[in-house]
Amino acid sequence: MRIRRAMRKKPLRRPVKKPRLKRQRMAQQKKRLVAAGVSEDKLIHMNTKEIRAAIRENRA
């Protein structure tokens, strides 16, 4: 069997990350942190890396 052209161009066929899905993920993570006991005032001042780190800490 031969390797077709479509398979050689694999990186070009990858799906592109969409901003709407990123916003949805961040909203879900914020809701999880609020449910875990993080205050909304503190959550407003957190950036995305801090939010992800806080979720990892709360999961453990």
PDB file of N, CA and C in Angstrom:
ATOM      1  N   MET A   1       0.829  -1.187   0.000  1.00  0.00           N
ATOM      2  CA  MET A   1       0.000   0.000   0.000  1.00  0.00           C
ATOM      3  C   MET A   1       0.865   1.238   0.000  1.00  0.00           C
ATOM      4  N   ARG A   2       0.403   2.222  -0.692  1.00  0.00           N
ATOM      5  CA  ARG A   2       1.177   3.461  -0.756  1.00  0.00           C
ATOM      6  C   ARG A   2       0.681   4.477   0.281  1.00  0.00           C
ATOM      7  N   ILE A   3       1.515   5.425   0.568  1.00  0.00           N
ATOM      8  CA  ILE A   3       1.139   6.506   1.483  1.00  0.00           C
ATOM      9  C   ILE A   3       0.569   7.636   0.637  1.00  0.00           C
ATOM     10  N   ARG A   4      -0.667   7.931   0.887  1.00  0.00           N
ATOM     11  CA  ARG A   4      -1.333   8.948   0.080  1.00  0.00           C
ATOM     12  C   ARG A   4      -0.932  10.346   0.508  1.00  0.00           C
ATOM     13  N   ARG A   5      -1.163  11.295  -0.359  1.00  0.00           N
ATOM     14  CA  ARG A   5      -0.774  12.687  -0.140  1.00  0.00           C
ATOM     15  C   ARG A   5      -1.468  13.272   1.093  1.00  0.00           C
ATOM     16  N   ALA A   6      -2.710  12.882   1.304  1.00  0.00           N
ATOM     17  CA  ALA A   6      -3.450  13.410   2.449  1.00  0.00           C
ATOM     18  C   ALA A   6      -2.779  13.028   3.769  1.00  0.00           C
ATOM     19  N   MET A   7      -2.201  11.856   3.828  1.00  0.00           N
ATOM     20  CA  MET A   7      -1.555  11.419   5.063  1.00  0.00           C
ATOM     21  C   MET A   7      -0.203  12.101   5.267  1.00  0.00           C
ATOM     22  N   ARG A   8       0.450  12.489   4.202  1.00  0.00           N
ATOM     23  CA  ARG A   8       1.738  13.179   4.341  1.00  0.00           C
ATOM     24  C   ARG A   8       1.545  14.610   4.817  1.00  0.00           C
ATOM     25  N   LYS A   9       0.378  15.174   4.618  1.00  0.00           N
ATOM     26  CA  LYS A   9       0.117  16.553   5.009  1.00  0.00           C
ATOM     27  C   LYS A   9      -0.642  16.612   6.336  1.00  0.00           C
ATOM     28  N   LYS A  10      -0.326  15.708   7.212  1.00  0.00           N
ATOM     29  CA  LYS A  10      -1.059  15.561   8.458  1.00  0.00           C
ATOM     30  C   LYS A  10      -1.123  16.838   9.315  1.00  0.00           C
ATOM     31  N   PRO A  11      -0.030  17.567   9.524  1.00  0.00           N
ATOM     32  CA  PRO A  11      -0.131  18.765  10.372  1.00  0.00           C
ATOM     33  C   PRO A  11      -1.094  19.815   9.818  1.00  0.00           C
ATOM     34  N   LEU A  12      -1.277  19.822   8.518  1.00  0.00           N
ATOM     35  CA  LEU A  12      -2.181  20.808   7.937  1.00  0.00           C
ATOM     36  C   LEU A  12      -3.641  20.438   8.161  1.00  0.00           C
ATOM     37  N   ARG A  13      -3.900  19.185   8.480  1.00  0.00           N
ATOM     38  CA  ARG A  13      -5.278  18.746   8.647  1.00  0.00           C
ATOM     39  C   ARG A  13      -5.736  18.802  10.097  1.00  0.00           C
ATOM     40  N   ARG A  14      -4.880  19.200  10.991  1.00  0.00           N
ATOM     41  CA  ARG A  14      -5.264  19.252  12.403  1.00  0.00           C
ATOM     42  C   ARG A  14      -6.332  20.308  12.630  1.00  0.00           C
ATOM     43  N   PRO A  15      -7.269  20.062  13.535  1.00  0.00           N
ATOM     44  CA  PRO A  15      -8.291  21.079  13.811  1.00  0.00           C
ATOM     45  C   PRO A  15      -7.685  22.294  14.520  1.00  0.00           C
ATOM     46  N   VAL A  16      -8.203  23.443  14.232  1.00  0.00           N
ATOM     47  CA  VAL A  16      -7.716  24.688  14.814  1.00  0.00           C
ATOM     48  C   VAL A  16      -8.465  24.945  16.117  1.00  0.00           C
ATOM     49  N   LYS A  17      -7.754  25.353  17.146  1.00  0.00           N
ATOM     50  CA  LYS A  17      -8.405  25.677  18.408  1.00  0.00           C
ATOM     51  C   LYS A  17      -9.239  26.942  18.224  1.00  0.00           C
ATOM     52  N   LYS A  18     -10.443  26.907  18.733  1.00  0.00           N
ATOM     53  CA  LYS A  18     -11.370  28.013  18.529  1.00  0.00           C
ATOM     54  C   LYS A  18     -11.508  28.835  19.806  1.00  0.00           C
ATOM     55  N   PRO A  19     -11.573  30.161  19.671  1.00  0.00           N
ATOM     56  CA  PRO A  19     -11.650  31.015  20.861  1.00  0.00           C
ATOM     57  C   PRO A  19     -12.914  30.795  21.690  1.00  0.00           C
ATOM     58  N   ARG A  20     -14.031  30.454  21.023  1.00  0.00           N
ATOM     59  CA  ARG A  20     -15.274  30.251  21.762  1.00  0.00           C
ATOM     60  C   ARG A  20     -15.147  29.066  22.714  1.00  0.00           C
ATOM     61  N   LEU A  21     -14.504  27.994  22.253  1.00  0.00           N
ATOM     62  CA  LEU A  21     -14.321  26.821  23.102  1.00  0.00           C
ATOM     63  C   LEU A  21     -13.388  27.124  24.272  1.00  0.00           C
ATOM     64  N   LYS A  22     -12.398  27.980  24.034  1.00  0.00           N
ATOM     65  CA  LYS A  22     -11.490  28.365  25.115  1.00  0.00           C
ATOM     66  C   LYS A  22     -12.238  29.153  26.193  1.00  0.00           C
ATOM     67  N   ARG A  23     -13.117  30.059  25.751  1.00  0.00           N
ATOM     68  CA  ARG A  23     -13.914  30.826  26.713  1.00  0.00           C
ATOM     69  C   ARG A  23     -14.830  29.904  27.510  1.00  0.00           C
ATOM     70  N   GLN A  24     -15.403  28.907  26.843  1.00  0.00           N
ATOM     71  CA  GLN A  24     -16.276  27.954  27.540  1.00  0.00           C
ATOM     72  C   GLN A  24     -15.494  27.156  28.573  1.00  0.00           C
ATOM     73  N   ARG A  25     -14.278  26.715  28.214  1.00  0.00           N
ATOM     74  CA  ARG A  25     -13.450  25.970  29.166  1.00  0.00           C
ATOM     75  C   ARG A  25     -13.108  26.828  30.380  1.00  0.00           C
ATOM     76  N   MET A  26     -12.757  28.076  30.140  1.00  0.00           N
ATOM     77  CA  MET A  26     -12.406  28.962  31.257  1.00  0.00           C
ATOM     78  C   MET A  26     -13.610  29.200  32.156  1.00  0.00           C
ATOM     79  N   ALA A  27     -14.793  29.350  31.566  1.00  0.00           N
ATOM     80  CA  ALA A  27     -16.007  29.552  32.363  1.00  0.00           C
ATOM     81  C   ALA A  27     -16.292  28.324  33.223  1.00  0.00           C
ATOM     82  N   GLN A  28     -16.101  27.122  32.655  1.00  0.00           N
ATOM     83  CA  GLN A  28     -16.305  25.892  33.424  1.00  0.00           C
ATOM     84  C   GLN A  28     -15.324  25.809  34.583  1.00  0.00           C
ATOM     85  N   GLN A  29     -14.068  26.153  34.313  1.00  0.00           N
ATOM     86  CA  GLN A  29     -13.052  26.068  35.361  1.00  0.00           C
ATOM     87  C   GLN A  29     -13.339  27.064  36.476  1.00  0.00           C
ATOM     88  N   LYS A  30     -13.798  28.253  36.122  1.00  0.00           N
ATOM     89  CA  LYS A  30     -14.135  29.246  37.143  1.00  0.00           C
ATOM     90  C   LYS A  30     -15.298  28.763  38.008  1.00  0.00           C
ATOM     91  N   LYS A  31     -16.301  28.128  37.375  1.00  0.00           N
ATOM     92  CA  LYS A  31     -17.433  27.605  38.140  1.00  0.00           C
ATOM     93  C   LYS A  31     -16.971  26.516  39.099  1.00  0.00           C
ATOM     94  N   ARG A  32     -16.029  25.675  38.645  1.00  0.00           N
ATOM     95  CA  ARG A  32     -15.504  24.630  39.517  1.00  0.00           C
ATOM     96  C   ARG A  32     -14.800  25.219  40.727  1.00  0.00           C
ATOM     97  N   LEU A  33     -14.020  26.276  40.494  1.00  0.00           N
ATOM     98  CA  LEU A  33     -13.295  26.893  41.607  1.00  0.00           C
ATOM     99  C   LEU A  33     -14.247  27.565  42.589  1.00  0.00           C
ATOM    100  N   VAL A  34     -15.302  28.199  42.085  1.00  0.00           N
ATOM    101  CA  VAL A  34     -16.283  28.820  42.973  1.00  0.00           C
ATOM    102  C   VAL A  34     -16.953  27.740  43.816  1.00  0.00           C
ATOM    103  N   ALA A  35     -17.270  26.606  43.198  1.00  0.00           N
ATOM    104  CA  ALA A  35     -17.880  25.504  43.934  1.00  0.00           C
ATOM    105  C   ALA A  35     -16.916  24.921  44.963  1.00  0.00           C
ATOM    106  N   ALA A  36     -15.615  25.002  44.677  1.00  0.00           N
ATOM    107  CA  ALA A  36     -14.612  24.472  45.599  1.00  0.00           C
ATOM    108  C   ALA A  36     -14.324  25.430  46.753  1.00  0.00           C
ATOM    109  N   GLY A  37     -14.835  26.662  46.678  1.00  0.00           N
ATOM    110  CA  GLY A  37     -14.680  27.572  47.804  1.00  0.00           C
ATOM    111  C   GLY A  37     -13.800  28.781  47.539  1.00  0.00           C
ATOM    112  N   VAL A  38     -13.367  29.013  46.312  1.00  0.00           N
ATOM    113  CA  VAL A  38     -12.563  30.194  45.995  1.00  0.00           C
ATOM    114  C   VAL A  38     -13.511  31.372  45.813  1.00  0.00           C
ATOM    115  N   SER A  39     -13.207  32.505  46.437  1.00  0.00           N
ATOM    116  CA  SER A  39     -14.106  33.661  46.335  1.00  0.00           C
ATOM    117  C   SER A  39     -14.039  34.276  44.931  1.00  0.00           C
ATOM    118  N   GLU A  40     -15.162  34.847  44.510  1.00  0.00           N
ATOM    119  CA  GLU A  40     -15.233  35.436  43.169  1.00  0.00           C
ATOM    120  C   GLU A  40     -14.340  36.669  43.048  1.00  0.00           C
ATOM    121  N   ASP A  41     -14.139  37.387  44.147  1.00  0.00           N
ATOM    122  CA  ASP A  41     -13.245  38.550  44.111  1.00  0.00           C
ATOM    123  C   ASP A  41     -11.809  38.120  43.793  1.00  0.00           C
ATOM    124  N   LYS A  42     -11.397  37.017  44.403  1.00  0.00           N
ATOM    125  CA  LYS A  42     -10.053  36.503  44.149  1.00  0.00           C
ATOM    126  C   LYS A  42      -9.948  35.958  42.728  1.00  0.00           C
ATOM    127  N   LEU A  43     -11.032  35.367  42.235  1.00  0.00           N
ATOM    128  CA  LEU A  43     -11.058  34.761  40.914  1.00  0.00           C
ATOM    129  C   LEU A  43     -10.932  35.801  39.812  1.00  0.00           C
ATOM    130  N   ILE A  44     -11.455  36.997  40.041  1.00  0.00           N
ATOM    131  CA  ILE A  44     -11.401  38.071  39.039  1.00  0.00           C
ATOM    132  C   ILE A  44      -9.954  38.471  38.749  1.00  0.00           C
ATOM    133  N   HIS A  45      -9.110  38.435  39.772  1.00  0.00           N
ATOM    134  CA  HIS A  45      -7.727  38.888  39.620  1.00  0.00           C
ATOM    135  C   HIS A  45      -6.769  37.792  39.166  1.00  0.00           C
ATOM    136  N   MET A  46      -7.274  36.563  38.974  1.00  0.00           N
ATOM    137  CA  MET A  46      -6.407  35.452  38.574  1.00  0.00           C
ATOM    138  C   MET A  46      -6.317  35.378  37.051  1.00  0.00           C
ATOM    139  N   ASN A  47      -5.120  35.058  36.544  1.00  0.00           N
ATOM    140  CA  ASN A  47      -4.989  34.827  35.109  1.00  0.00           C
ATOM    141  C   ASN A  47      -5.209  33.342  34.829  1.00  0.00           C
ATOM    142  N   THR A  48      -5.110  32.953  33.544  1.00  0.00           N
ATOM    143  CA  THR A  48      -5.451  31.582  33.161  1.00  0.00           C
ATOM    144  C   THR A  48      -4.513  30.552  33.789  1.00  0.00           C
ATOM    145  N   LYS A  49      -3.226  30.865  33.871  1.00  0.00           N
ATOM    146  CA  LYS A  49      -2.283  29.916  34.470  1.00  0.00           C
ATOM    147  C   LYS A  49      -2.588  29.705  35.948  1.00  0.00           C
ATOM    148  N   GLU A  50      -2.932  30.773  36.646  1.00  0.00           N
ATOM    149  CA  GLU A  50      -3.250  30.651  38.071  1.00  0.00           C
ATOM    150  C   GLU A  50      -4.526  29.850  38.282  1.00  0.00           C
ATOM    151  N   ILE A  51      -5.500  30.025  37.386  1.00  0.00           N
ATOM    152  CA  ILE A  51      -6.759  29.288  37.493  1.00  0.00           C
ATOM    153  C   ILE A  51      -6.502  27.797  37.311  1.00  0.00           C
ATOM    154  N   ARG A  52      -5.706  27.435  36.295  1.00  0.00           N
ATOM    155  CA  ARG A  52      -5.408  26.022  36.056  1.00  0.00           C
ATOM    156  C   ARG A  52      -4.639  25.413  37.225  1.00  0.00           C
ATOM    157  N   ALA A  53      -3.704  26.175  37.790  1.00  0.00           N
ATOM    158  CA  ALA A  53      -2.942  25.682  38.941  1.00  0.00           C
ATOM    159  C   ALA A  53      -3.854  25.478  40.150  1.00  0.00           C
ATOM    160  N   ALA A  54      -4.798  26.383  40.347  1.00  0.00           N
ATOM    161  CA  ALA A  54      -5.729  26.262  41.473  1.00  0.00           C
ATOM    162  C   ALA A  54      -6.622  25.039  41.312  1.00  0.00           C
ATOM    163  N   ILE A  55      -7.029  24.736  40.087  1.00  0.00           N
ATOM    164  CA  ILE A  55      -7.846  23.539  39.855  1.00  0.00           C
ATOM    165  C   ILE A  55      -7.043  22.286  40.172  1.00  0.00           C
ATOM    166  N   ARG A  56      -5.777  22.260  39.771  1.00  0.00           N
ATOM    167  CA  ARG A  56      -4.935  21.103  40.077  1.00  0.00           C
ATOM    168  C   ARG A  56      -4.777  20.915  41.589  1.00  0.00           C
ATOM    169  N   GLU A  57      -4.622  22.013  42.330  1.00  0.00           N
ATOM    170  CA  GLU A  57      -4.460  21.925  43.774  1.00  0.00           C
ATOM    171  C   GLU A  57      -5.735  21.431  44.444  1.00  0.00           C
ATOM    172  N   ASN A  58      -6.888  21.890  43.951  1.00  0.00           N
ATOM    173  CA  ASN A  58      -8.162  21.498  44.549  1.00  0.00           C
ATOM    174  C   ASN A  58      -8.525  20.055  44.231  1.00  0.00           C
ATOM    175  N   ARG A  59      -8.027  19.531  43.119  1.00  0.00           N
ATOM    176  CA  ARG A  59      -8.357  18.162  42.735  1.00  0.00           C
ATOM    177  C   ARG A  59      -7.631  17.149  43.619  1.00  0.00           C
ATOM    178  N   ALA A  60      -6.452  17.520  44.099  1.00  0.00           N
ATOM    179  CA  ALA A  60      -5.641  16.573  44.865  1.00  0.00           C
ATOM    180  C   ALA A  60      -6.198  16.309  46.250  1.00  0.00           C
TER     181      ALA A  60
END
